[in-house]
C-alpha atoms as a PDB file:
ATOM      1  CA  MET A   1    -101.392  71.258  30.756  1.00  0.00           C
ATOM      2  CA  SER A   2     -99.466  68.741  31.995  1.00  0.00           C
ATOM      3  CA  ALA A   3     -96.591  66.661  30.245  1.00  0.00           C
ATOM      4  CA  THR A   4     -97.650  63.289  27.807  1.00  0.00           C
ATOM      5  CA  VAL A   5     -96.224  60.082  28.390  1.00  0.00           C
ATOM      6  CA  ARG A   6     -95.833  57.126  25.936  1.00  0.00           C
ATOM      7  CA  THR A   7     -94.157  54.156  26.035  1.00  0.00           C
ATOM      8  CA  HIS A   8     -93.147  53.150  22.410  1.00  0.00           C
ATOM      9  CA  TRP A   9     -92.635  49.295  21.709  1.00  0.00           C
ATOM     10  CA  ARG A  10     -90.219  48.082  18.878  1.00  0.00           C
ATOM     11  CA  ALA A  11     -90.687  44.720  17.327  1.00  0.00           C
ATOM     12  CA  GLY A  12     -88.579  42.057  19.672  1.00  0.00           C
ATOM     13  CA  GLY A  13     -91.486  40.389  22.333  1.00  0.00           C
ATOM     14  CA  ALA A  14     -90.870  41.591  26.171  1.00  0.00           C
ATOM     15  CA  GLY A  15     -88.104  42.851  27.937  1.00  0.00           C
ATOM     16  CA  ALA A  16     -87.726  46.792  28.275  1.00  0.00           C
ATOM     17  CA  ARG A  17     -83.635  46.618  27.699  1.00  0.00           C
ATOM     18  CA  MET A  18     -83.111  44.111  25.524  1.00  0.00           C
ATOM     19  CA  HIS A  19     -85.836  44.872  22.616  1.00  0.00           C
ATOM     20  CA  GLY A  20     -85.969  48.114  22.576  1.00  0.00           C
ATOM     21  CA  VAL A  21     -88.827  49.726  24.785  1.00  0.00           C
ATOM     22  CA  THR A  22     -89.018  53.622  25.026  1.00  0.00           C
ATOM     23  CA  THR A  23     -90.783  55.958  27.405  1.00  0.00           C
ATOM     24  CA  ARG A  24     -91.352  58.971  25.810  1.00  0.00           C
ATOM     25  CA  VAL A  25     -92.129  62.124  27.677  1.00  0.00           C
ATOM     26  CA  ASP A  26     -93.356  65.025  25.852  1.00  0.00           C
ATOM     27  CA  ALA A  27     -92.991  68.389  27.741  1.00  0.00           C
ATOM     28  CA  ARG A  28     -93.169  70.729  24.992  1.00  0.00           C
ATOM     29  CA  GLY A  29     -94.994  73.784  26.105  1.00  0.00           C
ATOM     30  CA  GLN A  30     -94.333  73.294  29.816  1.00  0.00           C
ATOM     31  CA  PRO A  31     -92.294  75.624  31.276  1.00  0.00           C
ATOM     32  CA  CYS A  32     -89.802  75.144  33.999  1.00  0.00           C
ATOM     33  CA  PRO A  33     -89.729  72.945  36.112  1.00  0.00           C
ATOM     34  CA  LEU A  34     -92.504  70.792  34.323  1.00  0.00           C
ATOM     35  CA  PRO A  35     -90.090  68.922  32.168  1.00  0.00           C
ATOM     36  CA  ILE A  36     -88.041  67.914  34.674  1.00  0.00           C
ATOM     37  CA  LEU A  37     -90.776  66.850  37.102  1.00  0.00           C
ATOM     38  CA  ALA A  38     -92.517  65.003  34.260  1.00  0.00           C
ATOM     39  CA  LEU A  39     -89.181  63.256  33.611  1.00  0.00           C
ATOM     40  CA  ALA A  40     -88.922  62.035  37.254  1.00  0.00           C
ATOM     41  CA  ARG A  41     -92.431  60.663  37.494  1.00  0.00           C
ATOM     42  CA  ALA A  42     -91.965  58.974  34.157  1.00  0.00           C
ATOM     43  CA  CYS A  43     -88.780  57.315  35.346  1.00  0.00           C
ATOM     44  CA  ARG A  44     -90.626  55.517  38.445  1.00  0.00           C
ATOM     45  CA  GLY A  45     -90.771  51.987  38.222  1.00  0.00           C
ATOM     46  CA  LEU A  46     -88.602  51.693  35.428  1.00  0.00           C
ATOM     47  CA  GLU A  47     -86.153  49.437  35.347  1.00  0.00           C
ATOM     48  CA  ARG A  48     -82.339  50.654  35.868  1.00  0.00           C
ATOM     49  CA  GLY A  49     -81.120  51.366  32.004  1.00  0.00           C
ATOM     50  CA  ALA A  50     -84.739  51.517  30.505  1.00  0.00           C
ATOM     51  CA  SER A  51     -84.482  53.966  27.316  1.00  0.00           C
ATOM     52  CA  VAL A  52     -86.629  57.482  28.121  1.00  0.00           C
ATOM     53  CA  GLU A  53     -86.912  60.267  25.145  1.00  0.00           C
ATOM     54  CA  VAL A  54     -87.957  63.754  26.448  1.00  0.00           C
ATOM     55  CA  LEU A  55     -89.145  66.168  24.292  1.00  0.00           C
ATOM     56  CA  ALA A  56     -89.269  70.374  25.592  1.00  0.00           C
ATOM     57  CA  THR A  57     -89.288  73.913  24.593  1.00  0.00           C
ATOM     58  CA  ASP A  58     -88.209  75.028  27.954  1.00  0.00           C
ATOM     59  CA  PRO A  59     -85.128  77.194  27.442  1.00  0.00           C
ATOM     60  CA  ALA A  60     -83.261  75.699  30.733  1.00  0.00           C
ATOM     61  CA  PHE A  61     -84.415  72.004  29.615  1.00  0.00           C
ATOM     62  CA  PRO A  62     -80.787  71.197  28.396  1.00  0.00           C
ATOM     63  CA  ALA A  63     -78.761  72.074  31.549  1.00  0.00           C
ATOM     64  CA  ASP A  64     -81.868  70.959  34.006  1.00  0.00           C
ATOM     65  CA  VAL A  65     -81.700  67.619  32.094  1.00  0.00           C
ATOM     66  CA  ARG A  66     -77.999  67.095  32.588  1.00  0.00           C
ATOM     67  CA  ALA A  67     -77.687  67.905  36.364  1.00  0.00           C
ATOM     68  CA  TRP A  68     -81.013  65.689  36.672  1.00  0.00           C
ATOM     69  CA  CYS A  69     -78.945  62.416  35.434  1.00  0.00           C
ATOM     70  CA  GLU A  70     -75.701  63.700  36.971  1.00  0.00           C
ATOM     71  CA  ALA A  71     -78.022  63.885  40.572  1.00  0.00           C
ATOM     72  CA  ARG A  72     -79.897  60.846  39.714  1.00  0.00           C
ATOM     73  CA  GLY A  73     -77.273  58.799  38.143  1.00  0.00           C
ATOM     74  CA  ALA A  74     -79.273  58.641  34.737  1.00  0.00           C
ATOM     75  CA  ALA A  75     -77.205  58.361  31.712  1.00  0.00           C
ATOM     76  CA  LEU A  76     -77.574  61.205  29.360  1.00  0.00           C
ATOM     77  CA  LYS A  77     -76.994  59.352  25.761  1.00  0.00           C
ATOM     78  CA  ARG A  78     -77.862  62.386  23.701  1.00  0.00           C
ATOM     79  CA  ILE A  79     -79.767  65.670  23.370  1.00  0.00           C
ATOM     80  CA  ALA A  80     -80.175  68.052  20.326  1.00  0.00           C
ATOM     81  CA  ALA A  81     -82.433  71.039  19.440  1.00  0.00           C
ATOM     82  CA  GLU A  82     -84.794  69.678  16.828  1.00  0.00           C
ATOM     83  CA  GLY A  83     -86.626  72.464  14.936  1.00  0.00           C
ATOM     84  CA  THR A  84     -88.588  74.088  17.853  1.00  0.00           C
ATOM     85  CA  HIS A  85     -87.531  72.110  20.962  1.00  0.00           C
ATOM     86  CA  TRP A  86     -85.239  69.685  22.272  1.00  0.00           C
ATOM     87  CA  ARG A  87     -84.773  65.938  22.337  1.00  0.00           C
ATOM     88  CA  ALA A  88     -82.559  64.117  25.144  1.00  0.00           C
ATOM     89  CA  GLU A  89     -82.563  60.818  25.198  1.00  0.00           C
ATOM     90  CA  LEU A  90     -81.275  58.533  28.414  1.00  0.00           C
ATOM     91  CA  LEU A  91     -81.142  55.754  30.647  1.00  0.00           C
ATOM     92  CA  ALA A  92     -83.328  55.413  33.319  1.00  0.00           C
ATOM     93  CA  PRO A  93     -81.530  55.534  37.037  1.00  0.00           C
ATOM     94  CA  GLY A  94     -84.366  53.187  37.945  1.00  0.00           C
ATOM     95  CA  GLN A  95     -83.780  49.879  40.493  1.00  0.00           C
ATOM     96  CA  PRO A  96     -81.608  46.885  39.183  1.00  0.00           C
ATOM     97  CA  ALA A  97     -83.837  43.950  37.480  1.00  0.00           C
ATOM     98  CA  LYS A  98     -84.152  41.435  39.937  1.00  0.00           C
ATOM     99  CA  VAL A  99     -84.065  38.074  37.806  1.00  0.00           C
ATOM    100  CA  LEU A 100     -87.366  36.054  38.405  1.00  0.00           C
ATOM    101  CA  ASP A 101     -86.195  32.687  37.504  1.00  0.00           C
ATOM    102  CA  SER A 102     -82.510  32.116  39.011  1.00  0.00           C
ATOM    103  CA  GLY A 103     -82.030  28.552  37.476  1.00  0.00           C
ATOM    104  CA  PRO A 104     -79.628  26.019  39.111  1.00  0.00           C
ATOM    105  CA  GLY A 105     -76.759  27.137  41.053  1.00  0.00           C
ATOM    106  CA  LEU A 106     -77.879  30.600  41.310  1.00  0.00           C
ATOM    107  CA  PRO A 107     -79.120  32.436  43.969  1.00  0.00           C
ATOM    108  CA  SER A 108     -82.946  33.916  44.198  1.00  0.00           C
ATOM    109  CA  THR A 109     -81.078  37.211  44.600  1.00  0.00           C
ATOM    110  CA  THR A 110     -79.166  37.687  42.033  1.00  0.00           C
ATOM    111  CA  ARG A 111     -79.866  40.905  39.911  1.00  0.00           C
ATOM    112  CA  LEU A 112     -78.553  42.224  36.690  1.00  0.00           C
ATOM    113  CA  SER A 113     -76.510  44.934  35.990  1.00  0.00           C
END
């Protein structure tokens, strides 16, 4: 059984950080280390600061997700027990977003933080 990864869009249009796009990783029922591996796979290619939510039942998940975030530079916003599973909310480590249209007076390599 593999983890399910879904991207949820909230109203507001394009732009993951500004308009509430959340990638959800449902790793309930997965033994250690599969929830963390699913999280790492889901974060590949995400913009730095993109919102990620992970659901997991693995008892080691809280300690594992904290360690993964610290090692990768992700920001763990919250982790909480919800009934029979854990829910972690974090901001992906990813790469900085590139400015697609640099506009007048800005170099084309400008990056957003």
